[in-house]
């Protein structure tokens, strides 16, 4: 601030020149002091507003790998869901800005959709070999129990791929930094209970 910078400099000047003459530090007039006080108040008010905005809003950057090729479509969908501002970044990622209330609402909706996705995977309609799906509270780890023989002859691994993708998106929206998100999918045989294979998304 101007006031804080001016006072120490004047004190230093007074000390340096005290032995060289009768020079004394110049004092602010009442008008100058009032102007400085007004400037300080405006700066404090500006910082207060910025803090309030940060407390009430959330910024999330979605990496290009999760945005997809149709960026304009992703922007449009985000705004339809209530994201107040979407910024296109040079690396192909998108930065979403929204209220904390909207952020929580979106996370709740995403979690409900993932749970619904899990139910559809394990109902056996689309993925015949799948018997059950379990997951942790953070939705970062999934255990898919399958009939190993039927699984080995099918494309039912696509079930895990879909869960891995939605898990990563959920993690990023939860605040996990891009590059630190990880979804682990385990496939377990329903008869022996042994783990057939483990797949991690994104692949390293």
N, C-alpha and C. Protein backbone atom coordinates (compact mmCIF):
# COMPACT_ATOMS: atom_id res chain seq x y z
N UNK A 1 0.85 -1.19 0.00
CA UNK A 1 0.00 0.00 0.00
C UNK A 1 0.88 1.24 0.00
N UNK A 2 0.39 2.35 -0.50
CA UNK A 2 1.18 3.57 -0.62
C UNK A 2 1.65 4.06 0.73
N UNK A 3 0.75 4.08 1.73
CA UNK A 3 1.07 4.58 3.06
C UNK A 3 2.18 3.77 3.69
N UNK A 4 2.08 2.45 3.54
CA UNK A 4 3.05 1.55 4.16
C UNK A 4 4.43 1.69 3.52
N UNK A 5 4.49 1.99 2.23
CA UNK A 5 5.76 2.15 1.53
C UNK A 5 6.40 3.49 1.87
N UNK A 6 5.58 4.54 2.03
CA UNK A 6 6.08 5.90 2.21
C UNK A 6 6.72 6.07 3.58
N UNK A 7 6.11 5.58 4.64
CA UNK A 7 6.59 5.82 6.00
C UNK A 7 7.99 5.27 6.23
N UNK A 8 8.27 3.98 5.90
CA UNK A 8 9.64 3.47 6.12
C UNK A 8 10.68 4.24 5.33
N UNK A 9 10.39 4.68 4.11
CA UNK A 9 11.35 5.43 3.31
C UNK A 9 11.67 6.77 3.95
N UNK A 10 10.66 7.44 4.50
CA UNK A 10 10.88 8.74 5.15
C UNK A 10 11.72 8.58 6.41
N UNK A 11 11.49 7.49 7.13
CA UNK A 11 12.27 7.24 8.35
C UNK A 11 13.73 7.02 8.00
N UNK A 12 13.97 6.22 6.96
CA UNK A 12 15.35 5.99 6.49
C UNK A 12 16.00 7.28 6.06
N UNK A 13 15.27 8.12 5.34
CA UNK A 13 15.81 9.40 4.87
C UNK A 13 16.19 10.29 6.04
N UNK A 14 15.36 10.30 7.07
CA UNK A 14 15.64 11.13 8.24
C UNK A 14 16.92 10.69 8.92
N UNK A 15 17.12 9.38 9.02
CA UNK A 15 18.32 8.86 9.68
C UNK A 15 19.57 9.17 8.86
N UNK A 16 19.50 8.95 7.53
CA UNK A 16 20.65 9.15 6.66
C UNK A 16 21.09 10.59 6.63
N UNK A 17 20.14 11.52 6.57
CA UNK A 17 20.49 12.94 6.41
C UNK A 17 20.55 13.71 7.72
N UNK A 18 20.35 13.09 8.85
CA UNK A 18 20.31 13.82 10.12
C UNK A 18 21.67 14.43 10.46
N UNK A 19 22.76 13.82 10.02
CA UNK A 19 24.08 14.35 10.31
C UNK A 19 24.62 15.25 9.22
N UNK A 20 23.84 15.49 8.18
CA UNK A 20 24.34 16.25 7.03
C UNK A 20 23.61 17.57 6.86
N UNK A 21 22.74 17.90 7.75
CA UNK A 21 22.03 19.16 7.60
C UNK A 21 20.78 19.14 8.44
N UNK A 22 19.89 20.09 8.18
CA UNK A 22 18.68 20.20 8.97
C UNK A 22 17.45 19.67 8.24
N UNK A 23 17.67 18.84 7.18
CA UNK A 23 16.54 18.33 6.42
C UNK A 23 15.68 17.42 7.29
N UNK A 24 14.37 17.51 7.13
CA UNK A 24 13.43 16.69 7.91
C UNK A 24 12.44 16.05 6.96
N UNK A 25 11.90 14.91 7.35
CA UNK A 25 10.93 14.25 6.47
C UNK A 25 9.69 15.09 6.28
N UNK A 26 9.18 15.06 5.06
CA UNK A 26 7.98 15.81 4.73
C UNK A 26 6.75 15.07 5.23
N UNK A 27 5.91 15.77 5.94
CA UNK A 27 4.70 15.15 6.48
C UNK A 27 3.54 15.31 5.50
N UNK A 28 2.66 14.31 5.45
CA UNK A 28 1.48 14.38 4.60
C UNK A 28 0.51 15.43 5.13
N UNK A 29 -0.10 16.11 4.22
CA UNK A 29 -1.16 17.05 4.60
C UNK A 29 -2.42 16.26 4.92
N UNK A 30 -3.37 16.85 5.65
CA UNK A 30 -4.63 16.15 5.94
C UNK A 30 -5.32 15.66 4.68
N UNK A 31 -5.24 16.43 3.57
CA UNK A 31 -5.88 16.03 2.31
C UNK A 31 -5.22 14.79 1.74
N UNK A 32 -3.87 14.78 1.76
CA UNK A 32 -3.14 13.62 1.25
C UNK A 32 -3.43 12.37 2.07
N UNK A 33 -3.49 12.56 3.38
CA UNK A 33 -3.77 11.44 4.27
C UNK A 33 -5.15 10.85 3.99
N UNK A 34 -6.11 11.73 3.73
CA UNK A 34 -7.48 11.29 3.44
C UNK A 34 -7.53 10.51 2.13
N UNK A 35 -6.77 11.01 1.12
CA UNK A 35 -6.73 10.33 -0.18
C UNK A 35 -6.11 8.94 -0.05
N UNK A 36 -5.03 8.86 0.74
CA UNK A 36 -4.37 7.57 0.94
C UNK A 36 -5.29 6.59 1.67
N UNK A 37 -6.02 7.12 2.66
CA UNK A 37 -6.95 6.27 3.41
C UNK A 37 -8.05 5.73 2.51
N UNK A 38 -8.53 6.61 1.60
CA UNK A 38 -9.57 6.19 0.66
C UNK A 38 -9.06 5.09 -0.27
N UNK A 39 -7.80 5.26 -0.74
CA UNK A 39 -7.19 4.26 -1.62
C UNK A 39 -7.03 2.93 -0.89
N UNK A 40 -6.64 3.00 0.39
CA UNK A 40 -6.48 1.79 1.19
C UNK A 40 -7.82 1.07 1.35
N UNK A 41 -8.86 1.86 1.60
CA UNK A 41 -10.20 1.27 1.79
C UNK A 41 -10.68 0.58 0.52
N UNK A 42 -10.43 1.22 -0.64
CA UNK A 42 -10.86 0.64 -1.91
C UNK A 42 -10.12 -0.66 -2.19
N UNK A 43 -8.81 -0.68 -1.90
CA UNK A 43 -8.01 -1.89 -2.13
C UNK A 43 -8.49 -3.02 -1.22
N UNK A 44 -8.77 -2.67 0.04
CA UNK A 44 -9.25 -3.68 0.99
C UNK A 44 -10.60 -4.23 0.56
N UNK A 45 -11.45 -3.33 0.06
CA UNK A 45 -12.78 -3.75 -0.41
C UNK A 45 -12.66 -4.68 -1.61
N UNK A 46 -11.73 -4.35 -2.52
CA UNK A 46 -11.51 -5.19 -3.71
C UNK A 46 -11.06 -6.58 -3.31
N UNK A 47 -10.10 -6.67 -2.37
CA UNK A 47 -9.61 -7.96 -1.92
C UNK A 47 -10.71 -8.75 -1.23
N UNK A 48 -11.54 -8.03 -0.47
CA UNK A 48 -12.65 -8.69 0.23
C UNK A 48 -13.61 -9.33 -0.75
N UNK A 49 -13.92 -8.61 -1.84
CA UNK A 49 -14.82 -9.13 -2.87
C UNK A 49 -14.22 -10.35 -3.53
N UNK A 50 -12.89 -10.30 -3.83
CA UNK A 50 -12.22 -11.43 -4.47
C UNK A 50 -12.26 -12.66 -3.57
N UNK A 51 -12.05 -12.47 -2.27
CA UNK A 51 -12.10 -13.58 -1.33
C UNK A 51 -13.49 -14.18 -1.28
N UNK A 52 -14.52 -13.31 -1.24
CA UNK A 52 -15.90 -13.78 -1.20
C UNK A 52 -16.23 -14.58 -2.46
N UNK A 53 -15.75 -14.13 -3.62
CA UNK A 53 -16.00 -14.85 -4.87
C UNK A 53 -15.34 -16.23 -4.84
N UNK A 54 -14.11 -16.30 -4.30
CA UNK A 54 -13.42 -17.58 -4.22
C UNK A 54 -14.10 -18.53 -3.25
N UNK A 55 -14.71 -17.97 -2.20
CA UNK A 55 -15.41 -18.80 -1.23
C UNK A 55 -16.72 -19.33 -1.78
N UNK A 56 -17.31 -18.59 -2.71
CA UNK A 56 -18.63 -18.96 -3.22
C UNK A 56 -18.59 -19.69 -4.55
N UNK A 57 -17.43 -19.72 -5.21
CA UNK A 57 -17.35 -20.35 -6.52
C UNK A 57 -16.24 -21.41 -6.57
N UNK A 58 -16.31 -22.24 -7.60
CA UNK A 58 -15.35 -23.33 -7.78
C UNK A 58 -14.87 -23.32 -9.22
N UNK A 59 -13.56 -23.53 -9.41
CA UNK A 59 -13.00 -23.66 -10.76
C UNK A 59 -12.41 -25.06 -10.91
N UNK A 60 -12.82 -25.72 -11.97
CA UNK A 60 -12.34 -27.08 -12.25
C UNK A 60 -11.82 -27.13 -13.69
N UNK A 61 -10.62 -27.67 -13.89
CA UNK A 61 -10.08 -27.82 -15.24
C UNK A 61 -10.20 -29.27 -15.69
N UNK A 62 -10.93 -29.47 -16.79
CA UNK A 62 -11.13 -30.80 -17.35
C UNK A 62 -10.06 -31.04 -18.41
N UNK A 63 -9.20 -32.06 -18.25
CA UNK A 63 -8.12 -32.29 -19.22
C UNK A 63 -8.67 -32.66 -20.60
N UNK A 64 -7.87 -32.38 -21.62
CA UNK A 64 -8.29 -32.62 -23.01
C UNK A 64 -8.69 -34.08 -23.24
N UNK A 65 -8.04 -35.00 -22.53
CA UNK A 65 -8.33 -36.42 -22.72
C UNK A 65 -9.75 -36.78 -22.31
N UNK A 66 -10.36 -35.98 -21.46
CA UNK A 66 -11.73 -36.24 -21.02
C UNK A 66 -12.74 -35.32 -21.71
N UNK A 67 -12.24 -34.28 -22.35
CA UNK A 67 -13.14 -33.34 -23.05
C UNK A 67 -13.65 -33.96 -24.34
N UNK A 68 -12.76 -34.66 -25.06
CA UNK A 68 -13.14 -35.23 -26.35
C UNK A 68 -12.81 -34.27 -27.48
N UNK A 69 -13.13 -34.69 -28.69
CA UNK A 69 -12.78 -33.89 -29.86
C UNK A 69 -13.75 -32.74 -30.11
N UNK A 70 -15.01 -32.92 -29.73
CA UNK A 70 -16.01 -31.89 -29.98
C UNK A 70 -16.07 -30.93 -28.79
N UNK A 71 -15.14 -29.97 -28.77
CA UNK A 71 -15.03 -29.04 -27.65
C UNK A 71 -16.27 -28.15 -27.55
N UNK A 72 -16.76 -27.67 -28.69
CA UNK A 72 -17.93 -26.79 -28.67
C UNK A 72 -19.14 -27.49 -28.06
N UNK A 73 -19.28 -28.76 -28.36
CA UNK A 73 -20.39 -29.54 -27.80
C UNK A 73 -20.23 -29.69 -26.29
N UNK A 74 -19.00 -29.89 -25.85
CA UNK A 74 -18.72 -30.01 -24.41
C UNK A 74 -19.03 -28.71 -23.68
N UNK A 75 -18.68 -27.59 -24.30
CA UNK A 75 -18.95 -26.27 -23.72
C UNK A 75 -20.46 -26.05 -23.60
N UNK A 76 -21.17 -26.37 -24.66
CA UNK A 76 -22.63 -26.20 -24.67
C UNK A 76 -23.29 -27.07 -23.60
N UNK A 77 -22.87 -28.31 -23.48
CA UNK A 77 -23.44 -29.21 -22.47
C UNK A 77 -23.17 -28.72 -21.06
N UNK A 78 -21.95 -28.21 -20.84
CA UNK A 78 -21.59 -27.71 -19.50
C UNK A 78 -22.47 -26.53 -19.11
N UNK A 79 -22.70 -25.63 -20.05
CA UNK A 79 -23.53 -24.46 -19.76
C UNK A 79 -24.99 -24.85 -19.53
N UNK A 80 -25.44 -25.87 -20.24
CA UNK A 80 -26.81 -26.36 -20.04
C UNK A 80 -26.99 -26.93 -18.64
N UNK A 81 -25.91 -27.48 -18.10
CA UNK A 81 -25.98 -28.08 -16.76
C UNK A 81 -25.79 -27.06 -15.64
N UNK A 82 -25.56 -25.80 -16.03
CA UNK A 82 -25.48 -24.75 -15.02
C UNK A 82 -24.10 -24.20 -14.74
N UNK A 83 -23.09 -24.59 -15.53
CA UNK A 83 -21.75 -24.03 -15.37
C UNK A 83 -21.80 -22.57 -15.84
N UNK A 84 -21.45 -21.64 -14.97
CA UNK A 84 -21.61 -20.22 -15.29
C UNK A 84 -20.61 -19.71 -16.32
N UNK A 85 -19.41 -20.30 -16.33
CA UNK A 85 -18.40 -19.83 -17.29
C UNK A 85 -17.52 -21.01 -17.71
N UNK A 86 -17.24 -21.09 -19.01
CA UNK A 86 -16.38 -22.16 -19.53
C UNK A 86 -15.27 -21.51 -20.37
N UNK A 87 -14.03 -21.78 -20.00
CA UNK A 87 -12.88 -21.21 -20.71
C UNK A 87 -12.16 -22.30 -21.50
N UNK A 88 -11.95 -22.04 -22.79
CA UNK A 88 -11.18 -22.97 -23.63
C UNK A 88 -9.69 -22.66 -23.45
N UNK A 89 -8.92 -23.66 -23.09
CA UNK A 89 -7.48 -23.48 -22.89
C UNK A 89 -6.70 -23.97 -24.11
N UNK A 90 -5.48 -23.46 -24.26
CA UNK A 90 -4.67 -23.76 -25.44
C UNK A 90 -4.33 -25.24 -25.58
N UNK A 91 -4.29 -25.97 -24.45
CA UNK A 91 -3.93 -27.39 -24.51
C UNK A 91 -5.13 -28.30 -24.77
N UNK A 92 -6.29 -27.68 -25.06
CA UNK A 92 -7.49 -28.47 -25.34
C UNK A 92 -8.34 -28.76 -24.12
N UNK A 93 -7.86 -28.36 -22.96
CA UNK A 93 -8.65 -28.57 -21.73
C UNK A 93 -9.69 -27.46 -21.59
N UNK A 94 -10.62 -27.65 -20.69
CA UNK A 94 -11.65 -26.67 -20.42
C UNK A 94 -11.65 -26.34 -18.93
N UNK A 95 -11.81 -25.07 -18.59
CA UNK A 95 -11.91 -24.68 -17.19
C UNK A 95 -13.34 -24.24 -16.91
N UNK A 96 -13.99 -24.95 -15.99
CA UNK A 96 -15.36 -24.65 -15.61
C UNK A 96 -15.35 -23.77 -14.36
N UNK A 97 -16.22 -22.77 -14.35
CA UNK A 97 -16.43 -21.98 -13.14
C UNK A 97 -17.91 -22.02 -12.80
N UNK A 98 -18.19 -22.32 -11.53
CA UNK A 98 -19.59 -22.45 -11.11
C UNK A 98 -19.70 -22.14 -9.62
N UNK A 99 -20.91 -21.96 -9.16
CA UNK A 99 -21.12 -21.74 -7.74
C UNK A 99 -20.87 -23.04 -6.98
N UNK A 100 -20.55 -22.92 -5.69
CA UNK A 100 -20.31 -24.12 -4.90
C UNK A 100 -21.58 -24.96 -4.79
N UNK A 101 -22.72 -24.29 -4.77
CA UNK A 101 -23.98 -25.03 -4.71
C UNK A 101 -24.18 -25.86 -5.97
N UNK A 102 -23.91 -25.26 -7.13
CA UNK A 102 -24.05 -25.98 -8.40
C UNK A 102 -23.02 -27.11 -8.47
N UNK A 103 -21.82 -26.87 -7.98
CA UNK A 103 -20.78 -27.89 -7.98
C UNK A 103 -21.21 -29.12 -7.19
N UNK A 104 -21.74 -28.90 -5.99
CA UNK A 104 -22.21 -30.02 -5.16
C UNK A 104 -23.37 -30.75 -5.85
N UNK A 105 -24.25 -29.96 -6.46
CA UNK A 105 -25.39 -30.55 -7.17
C UNK A 105 -24.93 -31.44 -8.31
N UNK A 106 -23.93 -30.97 -9.06
CA UNK A 106 -23.40 -31.76 -10.18
C UNK A 106 -22.72 -33.03 -9.70
N UNK A 107 -21.97 -32.94 -8.59
CA UNK A 107 -21.30 -34.12 -8.05
C UNK A 107 -22.32 -35.16 -7.60
N UNK A 108 -23.38 -34.70 -6.95
CA UNK A 108 -24.43 -35.62 -6.50
C UNK A 108 -25.09 -36.32 -7.69
N UNK A 109 -25.33 -35.53 -8.75
CA UNK A 109 -25.94 -36.11 -9.95
C UNK A 109 -25.02 -37.12 -10.62
N UNK A 110 -23.72 -36.78 -10.69
CA UNK A 110 -22.75 -37.68 -11.31
C UNK A 110 -22.63 -38.98 -10.53
N UNK A 111 -22.62 -38.89 -9.19
CA UNK A 111 -22.51 -40.09 -8.37
C UNK A 111 -23.73 -40.99 -8.58
N UNK A 112 -24.90 -40.36 -8.64
CA UNK A 112 -26.13 -41.12 -8.86
C UNK A 112 -26.10 -41.82 -10.23
N UNK A 113 -25.55 -41.14 -11.22
CA UNK A 113 -25.46 -41.71 -12.57
C UNK A 113 -24.48 -42.90 -12.60
N UNK A 114 -23.38 -42.78 -11.85
CA UNK A 114 -22.41 -43.88 -11.81
C UNK A 114 -23.01 -45.10 -11.11
N UNK A 115 -23.75 -44.86 -10.03
CA UNK A 115 -24.42 -45.96 -9.33
C UNK A 115 -25.43 -46.64 -10.26
N UNK A 116 -26.13 -45.82 -11.04
CA UNK A 116 -27.09 -46.37 -12.01
C UNK A 116 -26.34 -47.18 -13.07
N UNK A 117 -25.19 -46.67 -13.51
CA UNK A 117 -24.36 -47.37 -14.49
C UNK A 117 -23.91 -48.72 -13.95
N UNK A 118 -23.51 -48.75 -12.69
CA UNK A 118 -23.11 -50.01 -12.05
C UNK A 118 -24.26 -51.01 -12.05
N UNK A 119 -25.45 -50.54 -11.71
CA UNK A 119 -26.63 -51.43 -11.68
C UNK A 119 -26.91 -52.02 -13.07
N UNK A 120 -26.72 -51.20 -14.10
CA UNK A 120 -26.96 -51.67 -15.46
C UNK A 120 -25.90 -52.69 -15.89
N UNK A 121 -24.66 -52.49 -15.43
CA UNK A 121 -23.59 -53.42 -15.77
C UNK A 121 -23.84 -54.79 -15.15
N UNK A 122 -24.28 -54.81 -13.90
CA UNK A 122 -24.40 -56.09 -13.20
C UNK A 122 -25.76 -56.78 -13.36
N UNK A 123 -26.68 -56.17 -14.12
CA UNK A 123 -27.99 -56.83 -14.27
C UNK A 123 -27.95 -57.97 -15.29
N UNK A 124 -26.80 -58.10 -16.02
CA UNK A 124 -26.63 -59.23 -16.92
C UNK A 124 -27.30 -59.09 -18.27
N UNK A 125 -27.94 -57.96 -18.52
CA UNK A 125 -28.64 -57.78 -19.80
C UNK A 125 -27.67 -57.54 -20.95
N UNK A 126 -26.76 -56.59 -20.74
CA UNK A 126 -25.79 -56.25 -21.78
C UNK A 126 -24.50 -57.06 -21.62
N UNK A 127 -24.03 -57.18 -20.40
CA UNK A 127 -22.77 -57.88 -20.14
C UNK A 127 -23.10 -59.21 -19.46
N UNK A 128 -23.25 -60.23 -20.26
CA UNK A 128 -23.76 -61.53 -19.81
C UNK A 128 -22.89 -62.20 -18.75
N UNK A 129 -21.58 -62.00 -18.82
CA UNK A 129 -20.69 -62.71 -17.89
C UNK A 129 -20.61 -62.05 -16.51
N UNK A 130 -21.08 -60.82 -16.41
CA UNK A 130 -20.96 -60.07 -15.15
C UNK A 130 -22.00 -60.53 -14.14
N UNK A 131 -21.53 -60.85 -12.93
CA UNK A 131 -22.40 -61.33 -11.85
C UNK A 131 -22.64 -60.26 -10.78
N UNK A 132 -21.63 -59.43 -10.57
CA UNK A 132 -21.77 -58.40 -9.53
C UNK A 132 -20.70 -57.32 -9.72
N UNK A 133 -20.97 -56.13 -9.17
CA UNK A 133 -20.00 -55.03 -9.20
C UNK A 133 -19.99 -54.36 -7.83
N UNK A 134 -18.81 -54.21 -7.26
CA UNK A 134 -18.64 -53.51 -5.99
C UNK A 134 -17.71 -52.32 -6.20
N UNK A 135 -17.85 -51.30 -5.36
CA UNK A 135 -17.02 -50.10 -5.52
C UNK A 135 -16.82 -49.42 -4.17
N UNK A 136 -15.77 -48.58 -4.08
CA UNK A 136 -15.51 -47.87 -2.83
C UNK A 136 -16.27 -46.53 -2.82
N UNK A 137 -16.23 -45.85 -1.70
CA UNK A 137 -17.00 -44.61 -1.53
C UNK A 137 -16.54 -43.49 -2.46
N UNK A 138 -15.24 -43.48 -2.79
CA UNK A 138 -14.70 -42.43 -3.66
C UNK A 138 -14.93 -42.70 -5.14
N UNK A 139 -15.47 -43.88 -5.43
CA UNK A 139 -15.70 -44.29 -6.82
C UNK A 139 -14.41 -44.32 -7.63
N UNK A 140 -13.34 -44.76 -6.97
CA UNK A 140 -12.04 -44.87 -7.66
C UNK A 140 -11.63 -46.32 -7.90
N UNK A 141 -12.29 -47.25 -7.20
CA UNK A 141 -11.96 -48.67 -7.34
C UNK A 141 -13.24 -49.49 -7.52
N UNK A 142 -13.21 -50.36 -8.53
CA UNK A 142 -14.36 -51.21 -8.83
C UNK A 142 -13.90 -52.66 -8.93
N UNK A 143 -14.68 -53.56 -8.34
CA UNK A 143 -14.42 -54.99 -8.48
C UNK A 143 -15.60 -55.61 -9.21
N UNK A 144 -15.32 -56.15 -10.40
CA UNK A 144 -16.36 -56.74 -11.24
C UNK A 144 -16.22 -58.26 -11.17
N UNK A 145 -17.23 -58.91 -10.60
CA UNK A 145 -17.22 -60.37 -10.49
C UNK A 145 -17.86 -60.97 -11.74
N UNK A 146 -17.15 -61.90 -12.37
CA UNK A 146 -17.61 -62.46 -13.65
C UNK A 146 -17.50 -63.98 -13.67
N UNK A 147 -18.20 -64.56 -14.62
CA UNK A 147 -17.99 -65.98 -14.96
C UNK A 147 -16.77 -65.98 -15.88
N UNK A 148 -15.63 -66.49 -15.37
CA UNK A 148 -14.37 -66.37 -16.09
C UNK A 148 -14.42 -66.94 -17.50
N UNK A 149 -15.04 -68.11 -17.66
CA UNK A 149 -15.09 -68.75 -18.97
C UNK A 149 -15.88 -67.90 -19.96
N UNK A 150 -17.06 -67.42 -19.53
CA UNK A 150 -17.89 -66.59 -20.40
C UNK A 150 -17.21 -65.25 -20.67
N UNK A 151 -16.55 -64.71 -19.65
CA UNK A 151 -15.87 -63.41 -19.78
C UNK A 151 -14.76 -63.47 -20.81
N UNK A 152 -14.00 -64.56 -20.80
CA UNK A 152 -12.86 -64.69 -21.71
C UNK A 152 -13.27 -64.77 -23.17
N UNK A 153 -14.52 -65.12 -23.43
CA UNK A 153 -15.01 -65.24 -24.81
C UNK A 153 -15.89 -64.05 -25.22
N UNK A 154 -15.91 -63.03 -24.38
CA UNK A 154 -16.80 -61.89 -24.64
C UNK A 154 -16.03 -60.57 -24.74
N UNK A 155 -16.80 -59.49 -24.96
CA UNK A 155 -16.25 -58.14 -24.95
C UNK A 155 -16.70 -57.40 -23.70
N UNK A 156 -16.96 -58.15 -22.64
CA UNK A 156 -17.50 -57.56 -21.42
C UNK A 156 -16.51 -56.68 -20.66
N UNK A 157 -15.26 -56.69 -21.11
CA UNK A 157 -14.28 -55.77 -20.53
C UNK A 157 -14.64 -54.32 -20.79
N UNK A 158 -15.53 -54.09 -21.77
CA UNK A 158 -15.99 -52.73 -22.07
C UNK A 158 -16.72 -52.13 -20.87
N UNK A 159 -17.30 -53.00 -20.04
CA UNK A 159 -18.00 -52.51 -18.85
C UNK A 159 -17.04 -51.77 -17.93
N UNK A 160 -15.87 -52.35 -17.73
CA UNK A 160 -14.86 -51.72 -16.89
C UNK A 160 -14.31 -50.45 -17.49
N UNK A 161 -14.18 -50.44 -18.82
CA UNK A 161 -13.68 -49.26 -19.50
C UNK A 161 -14.63 -48.07 -19.28
N UNK A 162 -15.93 -48.35 -19.39
CA UNK A 162 -16.93 -47.30 -19.19
C UNK A 162 -16.91 -46.77 -17.76
N UNK A 163 -16.79 -47.67 -16.79
CA UNK A 163 -16.73 -47.26 -15.39
C UNK A 163 -15.45 -46.47 -15.10
N UNK A 164 -14.36 -46.87 -15.74
CA UNK A 164 -13.10 -46.16 -15.56
C UNK A 164 -13.17 -44.72 -16.05
N UNK A 165 -13.82 -44.53 -17.19
CA UNK A 165 -13.94 -43.19 -17.77
C UNK A 165 -14.80 -42.29 -16.89
N UNK A 166 -15.97 -42.79 -16.48
CA UNK A 166 -16.85 -41.96 -15.65
C UNK A 166 -16.24 -41.71 -14.27
N UNK A 167 -15.48 -42.68 -13.76
CA UNK A 167 -14.80 -42.50 -12.48
C UNK A 167 -13.78 -41.37 -12.56
N UNK A 168 -13.01 -41.35 -13.63
CA UNK A 168 -11.99 -40.31 -13.80
C UNK A 168 -12.65 -38.93 -13.88
N UNK A 169 -13.73 -38.83 -14.62
CA UNK A 169 -14.42 -37.55 -14.76
C UNK A 169 -14.95 -37.10 -13.39
N UNK A 170 -15.50 -38.03 -12.65
CA UNK A 170 -16.02 -37.72 -11.31
C UNK A 170 -14.90 -37.23 -10.40
N UNK A 171 -13.75 -37.87 -10.48
CA UNK A 171 -12.61 -37.47 -9.65
C UNK A 171 -12.16 -36.05 -9.98
N UNK A 172 -12.06 -35.75 -11.27
CA UNK A 172 -11.64 -34.40 -11.68
C UNK A 172 -12.64 -33.36 -11.19
N UNK A 173 -13.93 -33.67 -11.32
CA UNK A 173 -14.96 -32.74 -10.86
C UNK A 173 -14.93 -32.60 -9.34
N UNK A 174 -14.42 -33.62 -8.65
CA UNK A 174 -14.32 -33.58 -7.19
C UNK A 174 -13.13 -32.74 -6.72
N UNK A 175 -12.24 -32.39 -7.65
CA UNK A 175 -11.09 -31.56 -7.30
C UNK A 175 -9.75 -32.23 -7.42
N UNK A 176 -9.72 -33.49 -7.87
CA UNK A 176 -8.43 -34.17 -8.09
C UNK A 176 -7.73 -33.50 -9.27
N UNK A 177 -6.45 -33.23 -9.13
CA UNK A 177 -5.71 -32.56 -10.19
C UNK A 177 -5.55 -33.47 -11.40
N UNK A 178 -5.67 -32.91 -12.61
CA UNK A 178 -5.44 -33.71 -13.82
C UNK A 178 -4.05 -34.36 -13.76
N UNK A 179 -4.01 -35.64 -14.09
CA UNK A 179 -2.76 -36.37 -14.01
C UNK A 179 -2.63 -37.17 -12.72
N UNK A 180 -3.45 -36.80 -11.71
CA UNK A 180 -3.43 -37.52 -10.44
C UNK A 180 -4.66 -38.41 -10.29
N UNK A 181 -5.60 -38.30 -11.23
CA UNK A 181 -6.80 -39.14 -11.18
C UNK A 181 -6.45 -40.57 -11.60
N UNK A 182 -7.10 -41.55 -10.98
CA UNK A 182 -6.82 -42.95 -11.31
C UNK A 182 -8.01 -43.82 -10.94
N UNK A 183 -8.45 -44.63 -11.89
CA UNK A 183 -9.53 -45.58 -11.64
C UNK A 183 -8.97 -47.00 -11.79
N UNK A 184 -9.21 -47.84 -10.79
CA UNK A 184 -8.70 -49.21 -10.81
C UNK A 184 -9.88 -50.17 -10.93
N UNK A 185 -9.82 -51.02 -11.96
CA UNK A 185 -10.88 -52.00 -12.21
C UNK A 185 -10.31 -53.40 -12.04
N UNK A 186 -10.88 -54.17 -11.11
CA UNK A 186 -10.47 -55.57 -10.90
C UNK A 186 -11.56 -56.49 -11.42
N UNK A 187 -11.14 -57.54 -12.11
CA UNK A 187 -12.08 -58.57 -12.57
C UNK A 187 -11.82 -59.83 -11.75
N UNK A 188 -12.87 -60.34 -11.12
CA UNK A 188 -12.73 -61.48 -10.21
C UNK A 188 -13.64 -62.63 -10.65
N UNK A 189 -13.11 -63.83 -10.61
CA UNK A 189 -13.88 -65.01 -10.99
C UNK A 189 -14.92 -65.34 -9.92
N UNK A 190 -16.16 -65.57 -10.34
CA UNK A 190 -17.25 -65.81 -9.39
C UNK A 190 -17.11 -67.14 -8.66
N UNK A 191 -16.47 -68.13 -9.27
CA UNK A 191 -16.33 -69.46 -8.64
C UNK A 191 -15.16 -69.54 -7.68
N UNK A 192 -13.99 -69.15 -8.15
CA UNK A 192 -12.78 -69.28 -7.34
C UNK A 192 -12.51 -68.07 -6.46
N UNK A 193 -13.04 -66.91 -6.85
CA UNK A 193 -12.79 -65.69 -6.10
C UNK A 193 -11.45 -65.05 -6.43
N UNK A 194 -10.69 -65.68 -7.34
CA UNK A 194 -9.38 -65.12 -7.69
C UNK A 194 -9.52 -63.94 -8.65
N UNK A 195 -8.57 -63.01 -8.58
CA UNK A 195 -8.56 -61.86 -9.47
C UNK A 195 -7.98 -62.29 -10.81
N UNK A 196 -8.77 -62.13 -11.86
CA UNK A 196 -8.36 -62.53 -13.21
C UNK A 196 -7.37 -61.51 -13.77
N UNK A 197 -7.73 -60.24 -13.65
CA UNK A 197 -6.85 -59.17 -14.12
C UNK A 197 -7.25 -57.85 -13.48
N UNK A 198 -6.31 -56.93 -13.51
CA UNK A 198 -6.53 -55.58 -12.97
C UNK A 198 -6.16 -54.57 -14.04
N UNK A 199 -7.06 -53.63 -14.29
CA UNK A 199 -6.81 -52.60 -15.30
C UNK A 199 -6.89 -51.23 -14.63
N UNK A 200 -5.93 -50.36 -14.94
CA UNK A 200 -5.89 -49.01 -14.38
C UNK A 200 -6.11 -47.98 -15.49
N UNK A 201 -6.98 -47.01 -15.21
CA UNK A 201 -7.23 -45.91 -16.16
C UNK A 201 -6.84 -44.59 -15.49
N UNK A 202 -6.13 -43.70 -16.21
CA UNK A 202 -5.62 -43.92 -17.56
C UNK A 202 -4.44 -44.88 -17.54
N UNK A 203 -4.22 -45.55 -18.65
CA UNK A 203 -3.12 -46.50 -18.75
C UNK A 203 -1.80 -45.75 -18.66
N UNK A 204 -0.87 -46.28 -17.90
CA UNK A 204 0.44 -45.65 -17.74
C UNK A 204 1.44 -46.19 -18.75
